[in-house]
């Protein structure tokens, strides 16, 4: 049975491990490919993290290796892991956290994220990056959540 495709990719500022096998996501941008990040200065590096997830792997007892890469809008690879062995458990989903930086000068446009497992593309997504101010009126602002009680 083939290795399953990754079914989501969260993009955020930072991912930290927590007790109990959980993760803390800081600076949540959204689920790729529906993410557009606005930066104010193309001459400052941008550091991002992703968490990609996929269903349990039926052949969990077989060795599997992955390579992750991030490509700029002009096709230049700005981040690539060496082949890394996946540690799998029977019946458990895979959560794959990765962090990377985009060095200046920042190129606005669409950045590609790919994860290959056993030399096959299992995640092919991306995000947009544009230059603007955080208060830019064309930047989408999420609506406040629910009508909870004030703090």
N, C-alpha and C. Protein backbone atom coordinates (compact mmCIF):
# COMPACT_ATOMS: atom_id res chain seq x y z
N UNK A 1 0.85 -1.18 0.00
CA UNK A 1 0.00 0.00 0.00
C UNK A 1 0.89 1.25 0.00
N UNK A 2 0.58 2.26 -0.83
CA UNK A 2 1.44 3.44 -0.89
C UNK A 2 1.34 4.31 0.36
N UNK A 3 2.37 5.11 0.56
CA UNK A 3 2.38 6.07 1.65
C UNK A 3 1.29 7.10 1.38
N UNK A 4 0.46 7.48 2.38
CA UNK A 4 -0.62 8.44 2.14
C UNK A 4 -0.11 9.86 1.92
N UNK A 5 -0.94 10.68 1.28
CA UNK A 5 -0.61 12.09 1.11
C UNK A 5 -0.84 12.84 2.41
N UNK A 6 -0.08 13.91 2.63
CA UNK A 6 -0.33 14.80 3.75
C UNK A 6 -1.63 15.53 3.46
N UNK A 7 -2.51 15.64 4.44
CA UNK A 7 -3.82 16.23 4.18
C UNK A 7 -3.98 17.64 4.72
N UNK A 8 -2.97 18.17 5.42
CA UNK A 8 -3.02 19.58 5.80
C UNK A 8 -1.61 20.09 6.08
N UNK A 9 -1.50 21.42 6.06
CA UNK A 9 -0.23 22.09 6.36
C UNK A 9 -0.56 23.42 7.03
N UNK A 10 -0.27 23.51 8.31
CA UNK A 10 -0.48 24.73 9.10
C UNK A 10 0.77 25.59 8.96
N UNK A 11 0.58 26.89 8.76
CA UNK A 11 1.70 27.82 8.69
C UNK A 11 1.60 28.79 9.86
N UNK A 12 2.71 28.94 10.59
CA UNK A 12 2.73 29.81 11.77
C UNK A 12 4.14 30.36 11.96
N UNK A 13 4.30 31.18 13.00
CA UNK A 13 5.62 31.73 13.31
C UNK A 13 6.54 30.71 13.96
N UNK A 14 5.99 29.91 14.88
CA UNK A 14 6.83 29.00 15.66
C UNK A 14 6.03 27.80 16.14
N UNK A 15 6.67 26.64 16.17
CA UNK A 15 6.07 25.41 16.70
C UNK A 15 6.97 24.90 17.80
N UNK A 16 6.38 24.66 18.98
CA UNK A 16 7.16 24.14 20.11
C UNK A 16 6.51 22.87 20.64
N UNK A 17 7.32 21.87 21.00
CA UNK A 17 6.75 20.66 21.60
C UNK A 17 6.25 20.94 23.00
N UNK A 18 5.20 20.22 23.38
CA UNK A 18 4.60 20.34 24.71
C UNK A 18 4.50 18.93 25.29
N UNK A 19 4.32 18.84 26.58
CA UNK A 19 4.14 17.53 27.22
C UNK A 19 2.95 16.81 26.64
N UNK A 20 3.00 15.51 26.65
CA UNK A 20 1.87 14.71 26.19
C UNK A 20 1.79 14.58 24.67
N UNK A 21 2.88 14.87 23.96
CA UNK A 21 2.89 14.72 22.51
C UNK A 21 2.13 15.81 21.78
N UNK A 22 1.85 16.93 22.45
CA UNK A 22 1.14 18.04 21.81
C UNK A 22 2.14 19.07 21.32
N UNK A 23 1.62 20.04 20.54
CA UNK A 23 2.45 21.11 20.00
C UNK A 23 1.82 22.45 20.31
N UNK A 24 2.65 23.45 20.57
CA UNK A 24 2.20 24.82 20.74
C UNK A 24 2.49 25.55 19.44
N UNK A 25 1.45 26.15 18.84
CA UNK A 25 1.61 26.92 17.62
C UNK A 25 1.52 28.39 17.99
N UNK A 26 2.53 29.16 17.64
CA UNK A 26 2.54 30.59 17.92
C UNK A 26 2.46 31.36 16.60
N UNK A 27 1.67 32.41 16.56
CA UNK A 27 1.58 33.23 15.36
C UNK A 27 0.93 32.49 14.21
N UNK A 28 -0.25 31.94 14.42
CA UNK A 28 -0.96 31.14 13.41
C UNK A 28 -1.37 32.02 12.22
N UNK A 29 -0.94 31.63 11.01
CA UNK A 29 -1.32 32.33 9.77
C UNK A 29 -2.49 31.64 9.08
N UNK A 30 -2.54 30.31 9.13
CA UNK A 30 -3.64 29.60 8.49
C UNK A 30 -3.20 28.27 7.92
N UNK A 31 -4.11 27.68 7.13
CA UNK A 31 -3.86 26.40 6.47
C UNK A 31 -3.50 26.66 5.02
N UNK A 32 -2.34 26.16 4.63
CA UNK A 32 -1.91 26.33 3.24
C UNK A 32 -2.86 25.53 2.33
N UNK A 33 -3.17 26.04 1.17
CA UNK A 33 -2.55 27.15 0.47
C UNK A 33 -3.25 28.49 0.70
N UNK A 34 -4.20 28.55 1.62
CA UNK A 34 -4.98 29.77 1.85
C UNK A 34 -4.31 30.70 2.86
N UNK A 35 -3.03 31.00 2.63
CA UNK A 35 -2.27 31.85 3.54
C UNK A 35 -1.57 32.94 2.73
N UNK A 36 -1.74 34.18 3.17
CA UNK A 36 -0.97 35.28 2.61
C UNK A 36 -0.36 36.04 3.77
N UNK A 37 0.96 36.12 3.77
CA UNK A 37 1.69 36.77 4.84
C UNK A 37 2.14 38.15 4.35
N UNK A 38 1.90 39.16 5.17
CA UNK A 38 2.32 40.52 4.83
C UNK A 38 3.54 40.89 5.65
N UNK A 39 4.58 41.35 4.96
CA UNK A 39 5.79 41.81 5.66
C UNK A 39 5.98 43.29 5.36
N UNK A 40 6.63 43.98 6.28
CA UNK A 40 6.84 45.42 6.13
C UNK A 40 8.18 45.74 5.47
N UNK A 41 9.18 44.86 5.61
CA UNK A 41 10.52 45.20 5.17
C UNK A 41 11.15 44.00 4.44
N UNK A 42 11.45 44.16 3.15
CA UNK A 42 12.04 43.07 2.37
C UNK A 42 13.50 42.81 2.75
N UNK A 43 14.08 43.67 3.58
CA UNK A 43 15.48 43.53 3.96
C UNK A 43 15.67 42.88 5.33
N UNK A 44 14.58 42.35 5.90
CA UNK A 44 14.66 41.63 7.17
C UNK A 44 14.26 40.18 6.95
N UNK A 45 14.98 39.23 7.56
CA UNK A 45 14.62 37.82 7.36
C UNK A 45 13.23 37.50 7.93
N UNK A 46 12.60 36.50 7.36
CA UNK A 46 11.30 36.02 7.82
C UNK A 46 11.49 34.58 8.27
N UNK A 47 11.10 34.27 9.50
CA UNK A 47 11.19 32.91 10.02
C UNK A 47 9.78 32.37 10.17
N UNK A 48 9.55 31.19 9.59
CA UNK A 48 8.24 30.56 9.63
C UNK A 48 8.38 29.10 10.05
N UNK A 49 7.25 28.53 10.44
CA UNK A 49 7.19 27.11 10.77
C UNK A 49 5.95 26.52 10.11
N UNK A 50 6.01 25.22 9.89
CA UNK A 50 4.84 24.50 9.39
C UNK A 50 4.63 23.27 10.26
N UNK A 51 3.41 22.79 10.27
CA UNK A 51 3.09 21.47 10.80
C UNK A 51 2.26 20.79 9.72
N UNK A 52 2.81 19.73 9.15
CA UNK A 52 2.10 18.97 8.13
C UNK A 52 1.61 17.68 8.77
N UNK A 53 0.42 17.26 8.39
CA UNK A 53 -0.15 16.04 8.97
C UNK A 53 -0.66 15.10 7.92
N UNK A 54 -0.56 13.81 8.20
CA UNK A 54 -1.12 12.81 7.29
C UNK A 54 -1.69 11.65 8.10
N UNK A 55 -2.57 10.89 7.44
CA UNK A 55 -3.21 9.76 8.12
C UNK A 55 -2.19 8.68 8.53
N UNK A 56 -2.62 7.74 9.35
CA UNK A 56 -1.73 6.65 9.72
C UNK A 56 -1.20 5.91 8.49
N UNK A 57 0.01 5.44 8.59
CA UNK A 57 0.66 4.73 7.48
C UNK A 57 0.46 3.23 7.67
N UNK A 58 -0.19 2.58 6.69
CA UNK A 58 -0.42 1.13 6.84
C UNK A 58 0.89 0.34 6.99
N UNK A 59 1.92 0.71 6.23
CA UNK A 59 3.20 0.00 6.29
C UNK A 59 4.13 0.71 7.28
N UNK A 60 3.67 0.84 8.53
CA UNK A 60 4.44 1.57 9.54
C UNK A 60 5.74 0.88 9.92
N UNK A 61 5.85 -0.43 9.67
CA UNK A 61 7.05 -1.17 10.05
C UNK A 61 8.12 -1.16 8.96
N UNK A 62 7.84 -0.52 7.83
CA UNK A 62 8.79 -0.39 6.73
C UNK A 62 9.50 0.97 6.87
N UNK A 63 10.79 1.06 6.52
CA UNK A 63 11.46 2.37 6.62
C UNK A 63 10.94 3.36 5.58
N UNK A 64 10.72 4.59 6.02
CA UNK A 64 10.27 5.68 5.14
C UNK A 64 11.15 6.88 5.44
N UNK A 65 11.60 7.58 4.38
CA UNK A 65 12.38 8.80 4.54
C UNK A 65 11.67 9.94 3.83
N UNK A 66 11.80 11.14 4.43
CA UNK A 66 11.20 12.31 3.80
C UNK A 66 12.25 13.38 3.56
N UNK A 67 11.94 14.23 2.59
CA UNK A 67 12.72 15.44 2.31
C UNK A 67 11.70 16.56 2.17
N UNK A 68 11.94 17.68 2.83
CA UNK A 68 11.06 18.85 2.72
C UNK A 68 11.84 19.96 2.06
N UNK A 69 11.16 20.72 1.19
CA UNK A 69 11.80 21.87 0.58
C UNK A 69 10.83 23.02 0.39
N UNK A 70 11.40 24.22 0.44
CA UNK A 70 10.65 25.46 0.23
C UNK A 70 11.32 26.19 -0.92
N UNK A 71 10.50 26.65 -1.86
CA UNK A 71 11.01 27.31 -3.06
C UNK A 71 10.45 28.72 -3.17
N UNK A 72 11.30 29.68 -3.54
CA UNK A 72 10.87 31.07 -3.76
C UNK A 72 10.04 31.18 -5.04
N UNK A 73 9.40 32.35 -5.26
CA UNK A 73 8.63 32.55 -6.48
C UNK A 73 9.45 32.41 -7.76
N UNK A 74 10.76 32.65 -7.70
CA UNK A 74 11.60 32.52 -8.90
C UNK A 74 12.14 31.10 -9.09
N UNK A 75 11.69 30.14 -8.26
CA UNK A 75 12.10 28.75 -8.41
C UNK A 75 13.34 28.34 -7.64
N UNK A 76 13.98 29.27 -6.95
CA UNK A 76 15.19 28.96 -6.17
C UNK A 76 14.79 28.27 -4.87
N UNK A 77 15.44 27.16 -4.57
CA UNK A 77 15.18 26.44 -3.32
C UNK A 77 15.88 27.18 -2.18
N UNK A 78 15.11 27.58 -1.17
CA UNK A 78 15.69 28.33 -0.05
C UNK A 78 15.82 27.48 1.21
N UNK A 79 15.20 26.30 1.20
CA UNK A 79 15.29 25.41 2.36
C UNK A 79 15.10 23.99 1.86
N UNK A 80 15.99 23.10 2.29
CA UNK A 80 15.84 21.68 1.96
C UNK A 80 16.46 20.85 3.07
N UNK A 81 15.70 19.88 3.55
CA UNK A 81 16.24 18.98 4.57
C UNK A 81 17.03 17.88 3.87
N UNK A 82 17.96 17.26 4.58
CA UNK A 82 18.54 16.02 4.06
C UNK A 82 17.47 14.93 4.21
N UNK A 83 17.63 13.77 3.60
CA UNK A 83 16.67 12.69 3.86
C UNK A 83 16.62 12.35 5.35
N UNK A 84 15.42 12.34 5.91
CA UNK A 84 15.22 12.08 7.33
C UNK A 84 14.26 10.90 7.48
N UNK A 85 14.63 9.98 8.33
CA UNK A 85 13.78 8.80 8.55
C UNK A 85 12.58 9.17 9.40
N UNK A 86 11.41 8.74 8.97
CA UNK A 86 10.18 8.96 9.74
C UNK A 86 10.05 7.88 10.79
N UNK A 87 9.68 8.28 11.99
CA UNK A 87 9.40 7.32 13.06
C UNK A 87 7.89 7.17 13.11
N UNK A 88 7.42 5.97 12.83
CA UNK A 88 5.98 5.72 12.71
C UNK A 88 5.50 4.75 13.77
N UNK A 89 4.24 4.90 14.15
CA UNK A 89 3.60 3.98 15.10
C UNK A 89 2.30 3.50 14.48
N UNK A 90 1.96 2.27 14.73
CA UNK A 90 0.74 1.69 14.17
C UNK A 90 -0.49 2.50 14.57
N UNK A 91 -1.30 2.86 13.58
CA UNK A 91 -2.56 3.55 13.84
C UNK A 91 -2.44 5.01 14.24
N UNK A 92 -1.25 5.60 14.22
CA UNK A 92 -1.06 6.99 14.65
C UNK A 92 -0.84 7.89 13.43
N UNK A 93 -1.48 9.09 13.47
CA UNK A 93 -1.25 10.10 12.44
C UNK A 93 0.17 10.63 12.54
N UNK A 94 0.67 11.15 11.44
CA UNK A 94 1.99 11.78 11.44
C UNK A 94 1.80 13.28 11.58
N UNK A 95 2.52 13.89 12.51
CA UNK A 95 2.61 15.34 12.64
C UNK A 95 4.07 15.70 12.42
N UNK A 96 4.32 16.46 11.37
CA UNK A 96 5.68 16.77 10.98
C UNK A 96 5.92 18.27 11.09
N UNK A 97 6.58 18.73 12.19
CA UNK A 97 6.88 20.16 12.33
C UNK A 97 8.22 20.50 11.68
N UNK A 98 8.27 21.64 11.00
CA UNK A 98 9.50 22.11 10.37
C UNK A 98 9.59 23.62 10.50
N UNK A 99 10.77 24.14 10.69
CA UNK A 99 10.99 25.58 10.71
C UNK A 99 11.98 25.96 9.62
N UNK A 100 11.80 27.16 9.06
CA UNK A 100 12.72 27.63 8.01
C UNK A 100 12.74 29.15 8.02
N UNK A 101 13.77 29.72 7.40
CA UNK A 101 13.91 31.17 7.28
C UNK A 101 14.02 31.56 5.82
N UNK A 102 13.50 32.74 5.53
CA UNK A 102 13.64 33.32 4.20
C UNK A 102 14.59 34.50 4.36
N UNK A 103 15.75 34.40 3.75
CA UNK A 103 16.78 35.44 3.89
C UNK A 103 16.49 36.61 2.96
N UNK A 104 16.87 37.80 3.39
CA UNK A 104 16.68 38.97 2.53
C UNK A 104 17.66 38.95 1.34
N UNK A 105 17.33 39.64 0.29
CA UNK A 105 16.10 40.40 0.10
C UNK A 105 14.93 39.46 -0.17
N UNK A 106 13.80 39.76 0.47
CA UNK A 106 12.60 38.94 0.35
C UNK A 106 11.95 39.20 -1.01
N UNK A 107 11.55 38.14 -1.66
CA UNK A 107 10.90 38.23 -2.97
C UNK A 107 9.40 38.03 -2.77
N UNK A 108 8.57 39.03 -3.01
CA UNK A 108 7.12 38.84 -2.89
C UNK A 108 6.61 37.85 -3.93
N UNK A 109 5.54 37.14 -3.59
CA UNK A 109 4.94 36.19 -4.52
C UNK A 109 4.58 34.89 -3.83
N UNK A 110 4.44 33.82 -4.64
CA UNK A 110 4.01 32.52 -4.13
C UNK A 110 5.23 31.64 -3.81
N UNK A 111 5.30 31.17 -2.57
CA UNK A 111 6.34 30.25 -2.12
C UNK A 111 5.76 28.84 -2.10
N UNK A 112 6.53 27.89 -2.58
CA UNK A 112 6.09 26.50 -2.66
C UNK A 112 6.66 25.69 -1.50
N UNK A 113 5.83 24.81 -0.93
CA UNK A 113 6.26 23.87 0.11
C UNK A 113 6.00 22.47 -0.42
N UNK A 114 7.04 21.65 -0.42
CA UNK A 114 6.89 20.26 -0.87
C UNK A 114 7.49 19.32 0.15
N UNK A 115 6.80 18.22 0.38
CA UNK A 115 7.35 17.13 1.19
C UNK A 115 7.30 15.88 0.33
N UNK A 116 8.46 15.24 0.19
CA UNK A 116 8.54 14.00 -0.56
C UNK A 116 8.86 12.87 0.41
N UNK A 117 8.14 11.77 0.27
CA UNK A 117 8.39 10.59 1.08
C UNK A 117 8.76 9.47 0.12
N UNK A 118 9.90 8.84 0.38
CA UNK A 118 10.40 7.78 -0.50
C UNK A 118 10.45 8.26 -1.95
N UNK A 119 10.88 9.49 -2.16
CA UNK A 119 11.07 10.12 -3.48
C UNK A 119 9.76 10.43 -4.21
N UNK A 120 8.62 10.37 -3.52
CA UNK A 120 7.33 10.72 -4.13
C UNK A 120 6.78 11.95 -3.44
N UNK A 121 6.24 12.90 -4.22
CA UNK A 121 5.66 14.11 -3.64
C UNK A 121 4.37 13.73 -2.90
N UNK A 122 4.32 14.03 -1.59
CA UNK A 122 3.16 13.72 -0.76
C UNK A 122 2.49 14.98 -0.22
N UNK A 123 3.14 16.13 -0.38
CA UNK A 123 2.54 17.42 -0.06
C UNK A 123 3.08 18.42 -1.06
N UNK A 124 2.19 19.12 -1.73
CA UNK A 124 2.58 20.16 -2.69
C UNK A 124 1.63 21.33 -2.47
N UNK A 125 2.07 22.31 -1.71
CA UNK A 125 1.22 23.44 -1.36
C UNK A 125 2.09 24.69 -1.31
N UNK A 126 1.61 25.74 -0.71
CA UNK A 126 2.41 26.94 -0.62
C UNK A 126 1.68 28.06 0.09
N UNK A 127 2.27 29.25 0.02
CA UNK A 127 1.69 30.43 0.66
C UNK A 127 2.14 31.66 -0.12
N UNK A 128 1.39 32.74 0.06
CA UNK A 128 1.75 33.99 -0.57
C UNK A 128 2.47 34.89 0.42
N UNK A 129 3.37 35.70 -0.11
CA UNK A 129 4.09 36.65 0.72
C UNK A 129 4.08 37.99 -0.03
N UNK A 130 3.62 39.02 0.66
CA UNK A 130 3.56 40.33 0.02
C UNK A 130 4.12 41.40 0.95
N UNK A 131 4.45 42.53 0.35
CA UNK A 131 5.00 43.65 1.11
C UNK A 131 3.87 44.62 1.38
N UNK A 132 3.78 45.10 2.61
CA UNK A 132 2.76 46.05 3.02
C UNK A 132 2.91 46.32 4.50
N UNK A 133 2.03 47.11 5.02
CA UNK A 133 2.04 47.38 6.45
C UNK A 133 1.00 46.50 7.13
N UNK A 134 1.24 46.10 8.37
CA UNK A 134 0.25 45.27 9.08
C UNK A 134 -1.13 45.92 9.14
N UNK A 135 -1.19 47.24 9.03
CA UNK A 135 -2.48 47.93 9.08
C UNK A 135 -3.03 48.22 7.68
N UNK A 136 -2.41 47.65 6.66
CA UNK A 136 -2.82 47.84 5.27
C UNK A 136 -4.30 47.48 5.12
N UNK A 137 -5.14 48.37 4.55
CA UNK A 137 -6.57 48.07 4.44
C UNK A 137 -6.89 46.91 3.51
N UNK A 138 -5.97 46.50 2.63
CA UNK A 138 -6.25 45.37 1.75
C UNK A 138 -5.90 44.04 2.40
N UNK A 139 -5.30 44.09 3.59
CA UNK A 139 -4.95 42.86 4.31
C UNK A 139 -6.20 42.32 4.99
N UNK A 140 -6.53 41.05 4.75
CA UNK A 140 -7.72 40.50 5.42
C UNK A 140 -7.54 40.43 6.92
N UNK A 141 -8.54 40.86 7.65
CA UNK A 141 -8.51 40.83 9.10
C UNK A 141 -9.59 39.85 9.57
N UNK A 142 -9.22 38.84 10.35
CA UNK A 142 -10.22 37.88 10.79
C UNK A 142 -11.27 38.52 11.70
N UNK A 143 -12.50 38.04 11.56
CA UNK A 143 -13.58 38.53 12.42
C UNK A 143 -13.38 37.98 13.83
N UNK A 144 -13.80 38.75 14.84
CA UNK A 144 -13.67 38.25 16.22
C UNK A 144 -14.50 36.98 16.42
N UNK A 145 -14.00 36.11 17.26
CA UNK A 145 -14.69 34.85 17.52
C UNK A 145 -15.87 35.05 18.46
N UNK A 146 -16.98 34.40 18.16
CA UNK A 146 -18.16 34.29 19.03
C UNK A 146 -18.50 35.47 19.91
N UNK A 147 -19.53 35.34 20.64
CA UNK A 147 -19.99 36.41 21.54
C UNK A 147 -19.78 36.02 22.98
N UNK A 148 -18.57 35.65 23.32
CA UNK A 148 -18.29 35.25 24.69
C UNK A 148 -18.34 36.41 25.67
N UNK A 149 -18.26 36.11 26.93
CA UNK A 149 -18.28 37.14 27.97
C UNK A 149 -16.98 37.92 27.96
N UNK A 150 -17.03 39.22 28.28
CA UNK A 150 -15.79 40.00 28.31
C UNK A 150 -14.87 39.52 29.43
N UNK A 151 -13.59 39.75 29.25
CA UNK A 151 -12.60 39.32 30.27
C UNK A 151 -12.68 40.18 31.49
